[in-house]
Amino acid sequence: MRSSVEEAPEHCAIEFAMEMLGGRWKLAILKQLATGTHRFGELRRALPGITQRMLTRQLRELEADSLVTRTVYREVPPRVEYALTEVGHSLDAITEELDKWGRWYRETVRPEGPSGRRPPA
């Protein structure tokens, strides 16, 4: 369980931001939601490797931090949609730049991948 955002030291804004955005999935979720409103299943399919439990947990934390809204439609079967708030959209440029940097790094610095082996030519 993460510590409370309120407990982050006031002198370190990066630490404060990382407390809210850190982890493997949050920025990826925000990047997906930057394209528009998505249902839970759409997000799960767009993020291969994330478990249902982890996606639920990360969405709840993002919602608690006012970055994501959750809208429940009272219909059968129930429909739930997630969207970025205005505060969440303030991260659009940051997630885009991190995506660009990650692609650049993967292609130029670590073309062999995380295993350390270059792919066969």
N, C-alpha and C. Protein backbone atom coordinates (compact mmCIF):
# COMPACT_ATOMS: atom_id res chain seq x y z
N MET A 1 0.85 -1.18 0.00
CA MET A 1 0.00 0.00 0.00
C MET A 1 0.88 1.24 0.00
N ARG A 2 0.51 2.24 -0.77
CA ARG A 2 1.32 3.45 -0.84
C ARG A 2 1.07 4.33 0.37
N SER A 3 2.04 5.18 0.65
CA SER A 3 1.85 6.13 1.73
C SER A 3 0.96 7.26 1.23
N SER A 4 0.47 8.02 2.16
CA SER A 4 -0.44 9.11 1.81
C SER A 4 0.30 10.23 1.11
N VAL A 5 -0.34 10.82 0.11
CA VAL A 5 0.25 11.96 -0.60
C VAL A 5 0.51 13.09 0.39
N GLU A 6 -0.34 13.22 1.38
CA GLU A 6 -0.18 14.28 2.37
C GLU A 6 1.09 14.10 3.19
N GLU A 7 1.64 12.87 3.25
CA GLU A 7 2.84 12.60 4.03
C GLU A 7 4.12 12.90 3.25
N ALA A 8 4.03 13.20 1.95
CA ALA A 8 5.22 13.49 1.15
C ALA A 8 5.84 14.78 1.64
N PRO A 9 7.18 14.84 1.67
CA PRO A 9 7.84 16.05 2.15
C PRO A 9 7.55 17.25 1.26
N GLU A 10 7.35 18.40 1.87
CA GLU A 10 7.03 19.61 1.12
C GLU A 10 8.20 20.10 0.30
N HIS A 11 9.43 19.80 0.70
CA HIS A 11 10.61 20.33 0.03
C HIS A 11 10.93 19.61 -1.28
N CYS A 12 10.31 18.49 -1.54
CA CYS A 12 10.67 17.71 -2.73
C CYS A 12 9.46 17.47 -3.61
N ALA A 13 9.27 18.32 -4.61
CA ALA A 13 8.11 18.21 -5.50
C ALA A 13 8.18 16.96 -6.36
N ILE A 14 9.38 16.52 -6.74
CA ILE A 14 9.50 15.30 -7.55
C ILE A 14 9.04 14.09 -6.74
N GLU A 15 9.44 14.03 -5.49
CA GLU A 15 9.02 12.93 -4.64
C GLU A 15 7.49 12.91 -4.49
N PHE A 16 6.92 14.10 -4.35
CA PHE A 16 5.47 14.23 -4.25
C PHE A 16 4.80 13.72 -5.53
N ALA A 17 5.31 14.14 -6.70
CA ALA A 17 4.75 13.70 -7.98
C ALA A 17 4.92 12.19 -8.15
N MET A 18 6.08 11.66 -7.78
CA MET A 18 6.31 10.22 -7.94
C MET A 18 5.42 9.40 -7.01
N GLU A 19 5.08 9.95 -5.88
CA GLU A 19 4.16 9.25 -4.98
C GLU A 19 2.80 9.08 -5.66
N MET A 20 2.39 10.08 -6.42
CA MET A 20 1.10 10.01 -7.11
C MET A 20 1.18 9.22 -8.41
N LEU A 21 2.29 9.31 -9.13
CA LEU A 21 2.39 8.75 -10.48
C LEU A 21 3.30 7.55 -10.58
N GLY A 22 4.00 7.22 -9.52
CA GLY A 22 4.97 6.13 -9.56
C GLY A 22 4.33 4.78 -9.75
N GLY A 23 5.15 3.84 -10.09
CA GLY A 23 4.68 2.48 -10.32
C GLY A 23 4.68 2.16 -11.80
N ARG A 24 4.46 0.92 -12.11
CA ARG A 24 4.57 0.46 -13.48
C ARG A 24 3.42 0.90 -14.37
N TRP A 25 2.22 1.09 -13.81
CA TRP A 25 1.03 1.22 -14.65
C TRP A 25 0.38 2.58 -14.71
N LYS A 26 0.57 3.44 -13.74
CA LYS A 26 -0.21 4.68 -13.69
C LYS A 26 -0.03 5.56 -14.91
N LEU A 27 1.20 5.79 -15.32
CA LEU A 27 1.41 6.64 -16.49
C LEU A 27 0.86 6.00 -17.75
N ALA A 28 0.95 4.68 -17.85
CA ALA A 28 0.39 3.98 -19.01
C ALA A 28 -1.14 4.13 -19.04
N ILE A 29 -1.76 4.06 -17.88
CA ILE A 29 -3.22 4.25 -17.79
C ILE A 29 -3.57 5.68 -18.20
N LEU A 30 -2.83 6.65 -17.68
CA LEU A 30 -3.09 8.05 -18.03
C LEU A 30 -2.91 8.29 -19.52
N LYS A 31 -1.90 7.66 -20.12
CA LYS A 31 -1.68 7.82 -21.57
C LYS A 31 -2.86 7.25 -22.35
N GLN A 32 -3.39 6.12 -21.94
CA GLN A 32 -4.56 5.53 -22.61
C GLN A 32 -5.78 6.44 -22.47
N LEU A 33 -5.98 6.98 -21.29
CA LEU A 33 -7.15 7.83 -21.05
C LEU A 33 -7.02 9.19 -21.72
N ALA A 34 -5.80 9.58 -22.08
CA ALA A 34 -5.61 10.86 -22.78
C ALA A 34 -6.30 10.84 -24.14
N THR A 35 -6.55 9.64 -24.69
CA THR A 35 -7.21 9.53 -25.99
C THR A 35 -8.72 9.62 -25.88
N GLY A 36 -9.24 9.55 -24.65
CA GLY A 36 -10.68 9.65 -24.45
C GLY A 36 -11.16 8.72 -23.36
N THR A 37 -12.46 8.69 -23.17
CA THR A 37 -13.11 7.86 -22.15
C THR A 37 -13.01 6.39 -22.54
N HIS A 38 -12.72 5.55 -21.52
CA HIS A 38 -12.61 4.11 -21.76
C HIS A 38 -13.33 3.33 -20.67
N ARG A 39 -13.83 2.19 -21.06
CA ARG A 39 -14.39 1.25 -20.09
C ARG A 39 -13.26 0.40 -19.53
N PHE A 40 -13.53 -0.26 -18.42
CA PHE A 40 -12.52 -1.06 -17.73
C PHE A 40 -11.92 -2.11 -18.66
N GLY A 41 -12.77 -2.84 -19.38
CA GLY A 41 -12.29 -3.90 -20.27
C GLY A 41 -11.41 -3.36 -21.39
N GLU A 42 -11.73 -2.18 -21.88
CA GLU A 42 -10.91 -1.56 -22.93
C GLU A 42 -9.51 -1.24 -22.39
N LEU A 43 -9.47 -0.72 -21.18
CA LEU A 43 -8.18 -0.41 -20.57
C LEU A 43 -7.38 -1.69 -20.35
N ARG A 44 -8.04 -2.72 -19.89
CA ARG A 44 -7.34 -3.98 -19.62
C ARG A 44 -6.76 -4.56 -20.91
N ARG A 45 -7.50 -4.51 -22.01
CA ARG A 45 -6.99 -5.01 -23.29
C ARG A 45 -5.85 -4.15 -23.82
N ALA A 46 -5.91 -2.84 -23.55
CA ALA A 46 -4.88 -1.93 -24.04
C ALA A 46 -3.57 -2.04 -23.26
N LEU A 47 -3.63 -2.65 -22.08
CA LEU A 47 -2.46 -2.77 -21.22
C LEU A 47 -2.16 -4.24 -20.94
N PRO A 48 -1.62 -4.95 -21.93
CA PRO A 48 -1.34 -6.38 -21.71
C PRO A 48 -0.38 -6.55 -20.54
N GLY A 49 -0.67 -7.51 -19.73
CA GLY A 49 0.20 -7.78 -18.59
C GLY A 49 -0.35 -7.27 -17.27
N ILE A 50 -1.26 -6.31 -17.30
CA ILE A 50 -1.83 -5.81 -16.05
C ILE A 50 -2.94 -6.75 -15.60
N THR A 51 -2.98 -7.02 -14.31
CA THR A 51 -4.04 -7.87 -13.78
C THR A 51 -5.27 -7.02 -13.49
N GLN A 52 -6.39 -7.68 -13.39
CA GLN A 52 -7.64 -6.98 -13.08
C GLN A 52 -7.52 -6.28 -11.73
N ARG A 53 -6.93 -6.97 -10.78
CA ARG A 53 -6.77 -6.41 -9.44
C ARG A 53 -5.89 -5.16 -9.46
N MET A 54 -4.77 -5.22 -10.19
CA MET A 54 -3.86 -4.08 -10.25
C MET A 54 -4.51 -2.90 -10.98
N LEU A 55 -5.22 -3.16 -12.07
CA LEU A 55 -5.90 -2.08 -12.79
C LEU A 55 -6.92 -1.40 -11.89
N THR A 56 -7.69 -2.19 -11.17
CA THR A 56 -8.68 -1.64 -10.24
C THR A 56 -7.99 -0.78 -9.19
N ARG A 57 -6.92 -1.28 -8.62
CA ARG A 57 -6.19 -0.55 -7.57
C ARG A 57 -5.63 0.77 -8.10
N GLN A 58 -5.00 0.72 -9.27
CA GLN A 58 -4.39 1.92 -9.83
C GLN A 58 -5.46 2.96 -10.20
N LEU A 59 -6.57 2.50 -10.77
CA LEU A 59 -7.66 3.43 -11.11
C LEU A 59 -8.23 4.09 -9.86
N ARG A 60 -8.36 3.32 -8.79
CA ARG A 60 -8.87 3.89 -7.53
C ARG A 60 -7.93 4.95 -6.99
N GLU A 61 -6.61 4.69 -7.06
CA GLU A 61 -5.65 5.68 -6.58
C GLU A 61 -5.67 6.93 -7.45
N LEU A 62 -5.75 6.74 -8.77
CA LEU A 62 -5.81 7.89 -9.68
C LEU A 62 -7.08 8.71 -9.44
N GLU A 63 -8.16 8.01 -9.14
CA GLU A 63 -9.42 8.70 -8.84
C GLU A 63 -9.31 9.46 -7.51
N ALA A 64 -8.71 8.84 -6.51
CA ALA A 64 -8.53 9.49 -5.21
C ALA A 64 -7.65 10.73 -5.32
N ASP A 65 -6.73 10.74 -6.28
CA ASP A 65 -5.83 11.87 -6.49
C ASP A 65 -6.40 12.89 -7.48
N SER A 66 -7.67 12.72 -7.85
CA SER A 66 -8.39 13.65 -8.74
C SER A 66 -7.81 13.73 -10.15
N LEU A 67 -7.20 12.64 -10.61
CA LEU A 67 -6.67 12.59 -11.96
C LEU A 67 -7.63 11.90 -12.92
N VAL A 68 -8.50 11.06 -12.38
CA VAL A 68 -9.43 10.26 -13.18
C VAL A 68 -10.82 10.34 -12.56
N THR A 69 -11.83 10.37 -13.42
CA THR A 69 -13.21 10.26 -12.93
C THR A 69 -13.76 8.90 -13.31
N ARG A 70 -14.63 8.40 -12.47
CA ARG A 70 -15.30 7.11 -12.69
C ARG A 70 -16.79 7.39 -12.76
N THR A 71 -17.41 7.02 -13.88
CA THR A 71 -18.84 7.25 -14.05
C THR A 71 -19.53 5.90 -14.16
N VAL A 72 -20.50 5.67 -13.27
CA VAL A 72 -21.26 4.42 -13.27
C VAL A 72 -22.63 4.71 -13.87
N TYR A 73 -22.98 3.94 -14.89
CA TYR A 73 -24.29 4.07 -15.53
C TYR A 73 -25.19 2.97 -14.99
N ARG A 74 -26.32 3.37 -14.50
CA ARG A 74 -27.25 2.41 -13.89
C ARG A 74 -28.07 1.75 -14.99
N GLU A 75 -27.52 0.72 -15.56
CA GLU A 75 -28.19 -0.06 -16.59
C GLU A 75 -27.79 -1.51 -16.41
N VAL A 76 -28.45 -2.38 -17.12
CA VAL A 76 -28.15 -3.81 -17.02
C VAL A 76 -27.60 -4.27 -18.37
N PRO A 77 -26.40 -4.82 -18.42
CA PRO A 77 -25.42 -4.90 -17.33
C PRO A 77 -24.85 -3.52 -17.03
N PRO A 78 -24.33 -3.36 -15.79
CA PRO A 78 -23.80 -2.05 -15.41
C PRO A 78 -22.62 -1.65 -16.31
N ARG A 79 -22.52 -0.37 -16.56
CA ARG A 79 -21.44 0.15 -17.40
C ARG A 79 -20.68 1.19 -16.58
N VAL A 80 -19.36 1.07 -16.58
CA VAL A 80 -18.51 2.01 -15.85
C VAL A 80 -17.49 2.56 -16.84
N GLU A 81 -17.34 3.88 -16.83
CA GLU A 81 -16.39 4.53 -17.73
C GLU A 81 -15.41 5.38 -16.94
N TYR A 82 -14.19 5.42 -17.44
CA TYR A 82 -13.13 6.21 -16.82
C TYR A 82 -12.67 7.28 -17.79
N ALA A 83 -12.40 8.46 -17.26
CA ALA A 83 -11.93 9.58 -18.08
C ALA A 83 -10.97 10.42 -17.25
N LEU A 84 -10.13 11.16 -17.94
CA LEU A 84 -9.23 12.08 -17.24
C LEU A 84 -9.99 13.31 -16.80
N THR A 85 -9.62 13.81 -15.65
CA THR A 85 -10.13 15.11 -15.20
C THR A 85 -9.28 16.19 -15.85
N GLU A 86 -9.61 17.44 -15.59
CA GLU A 86 -8.79 18.54 -16.10
C GLU A 86 -7.37 18.43 -15.53
N VAL A 87 -7.29 18.05 -14.27
CA VAL A 87 -5.97 17.87 -13.64
C VAL A 87 -5.23 16.72 -14.32
N GLY A 88 -5.94 15.64 -14.62
CA GLY A 88 -5.33 14.52 -15.32
C GLY A 88 -4.82 14.91 -16.69
N HIS A 89 -5.60 15.73 -17.40
CA HIS A 89 -5.18 16.19 -18.73
C HIS A 89 -3.95 17.10 -18.65
N SER A 90 -3.69 17.68 -17.51
CA SER A 90 -2.49 18.52 -17.37
C SER A 90 -1.22 17.70 -17.52
N LEU A 91 -1.34 16.38 -17.45
CA LEU A 91 -0.19 15.48 -17.61
C LEU A 91 -0.03 14.96 -19.03
N ASP A 92 -0.90 15.35 -19.94
CA ASP A 92 -0.85 14.84 -21.33
C ASP A 92 0.53 15.06 -21.96
N ALA A 93 1.05 16.26 -21.88
CA ALA A 93 2.35 16.55 -22.51
C ALA A 93 3.47 15.75 -21.85
N ILE A 94 3.38 15.57 -20.55
CA ILE A 94 4.41 14.81 -19.83
C ILE A 94 4.38 13.35 -20.25
N THR A 95 3.20 12.75 -20.31
CA THR A 95 3.13 11.34 -20.70
C THR A 95 3.57 11.15 -22.15
N GLU A 96 3.25 12.11 -23.00
CA GLU A 96 3.67 12.02 -24.40
C GLU A 96 5.19 12.09 -24.50
N GLU A 97 5.81 13.02 -23.77
CA GLU A 97 7.27 13.14 -23.80
C GLU A 97 7.95 11.90 -23.21
N LEU A 98 7.40 11.35 -22.13
CA LEU A 98 7.97 10.12 -21.57
C LEU A 98 7.84 8.96 -22.55
N ASP A 99 6.75 8.90 -23.27
CA ASP A 99 6.57 7.86 -24.29
C ASP A 99 7.62 8.01 -25.39
N LYS A 100 7.82 9.23 -25.85
CA LYS A 100 8.84 9.48 -26.88
C LYS A 100 10.23 9.10 -26.38
N TRP A 101 10.55 9.51 -25.15
CA TRP A 101 11.86 9.21 -24.59
C TRP A 101 12.05 7.70 -24.45
N GLY A 102 11.02 7.01 -23.97
CA GLY A 102 11.11 5.55 -23.82
C GLY A 102 11.35 4.85 -25.15
N ARG A 103 10.68 5.30 -26.19
CA ARG A 103 10.90 4.73 -27.53
C ARG A 103 12.31 5.01 -28.01
N TRP A 104 12.78 6.26 -27.83
CA TRP A 104 14.14 6.61 -28.22
C TRP A 104 15.15 5.76 -27.48
N TYR A 105 15.00 5.63 -26.18
CA TYR A 105 15.94 4.87 -25.36
C TYR A 105 15.97 3.41 -25.79
N ARG A 106 14.80 2.85 -26.00
CA ARG A 106 14.70 1.45 -26.40
C ARG A 106 15.37 1.21 -27.75
N GLU A 107 15.25 2.15 -28.68
CA GLU A 107 15.79 1.98 -30.03
C GLU A 107 17.27 2.32 -30.13
N THR A 108 17.76 3.26 -29.32
CA THR A 108 19.14 3.71 -29.49
C THR A 108 20.09 3.24 -28.39
N VAL A 109 19.67 3.29 -27.17
CA VAL A 109 20.55 2.95 -26.06
C VAL A 109 20.48 1.47 -25.72
N ARG A 110 19.28 0.92 -25.73
CA ARG A 110 19.09 -0.49 -25.34
C ARG A 110 18.39 -1.28 -26.42
N PRO A 111 18.92 -1.29 -27.64
CA PRO A 111 18.22 -2.03 -28.71
C PRO A 111 18.19 -3.53 -28.45
N GLU A 112 19.03 -4.01 -27.54
CA GLU A 112 19.04 -5.43 -27.24
C GLU A 112 17.91 -5.84 -26.32
N GLY A 113 17.23 -4.89 -25.73
CA GLY A 113 16.12 -5.20 -24.84
C GLY A 113 16.60 -5.38 -23.42
N PRO A 114 15.67 -5.59 -22.49
CA PRO A 114 16.03 -5.67 -21.07
C PRO A 114 16.87 -6.89 -20.72
N SER A 115 16.86 -7.93 -21.57
CA SER A 115 17.64 -9.13 -21.26
C SER A 115 19.12 -8.93 -21.47
N GLY A 116 19.50 -7.87 -22.21
CA GLY A 116 20.90 -7.61 -22.46
C GLY A 116 21.42 -8.27 -23.72
N ARG A 117 20.56 -9.04 -24.39
CA ARG A 117 20.97 -9.71 -25.63
C ARG A 117 20.38 -9.00 -26.83
N ARG A 118 21.19 -8.81 -27.83
CA ARG A 118 20.70 -8.21 -29.08
C ARG A 118 19.87 -9.24 -29.84
N PRO A 119 18.78 -8.78 -30.50
CA PRO A 119 17.99 -9.71 -31.31
C PRO A 119 18.82 -10.20 -32.50
N PRO A 120 18.53 -11.41 -33.00
CA PRO A 120 19.29 -11.92 -34.14
C PRO A 120 19.09 -11.03 -35.36
N ALA A 121 20.17 -10.84 -36.13
CA ALA A 121 20.11 -9.97 -37.30
C ALA A 121 19.44 -10.65 -38.47
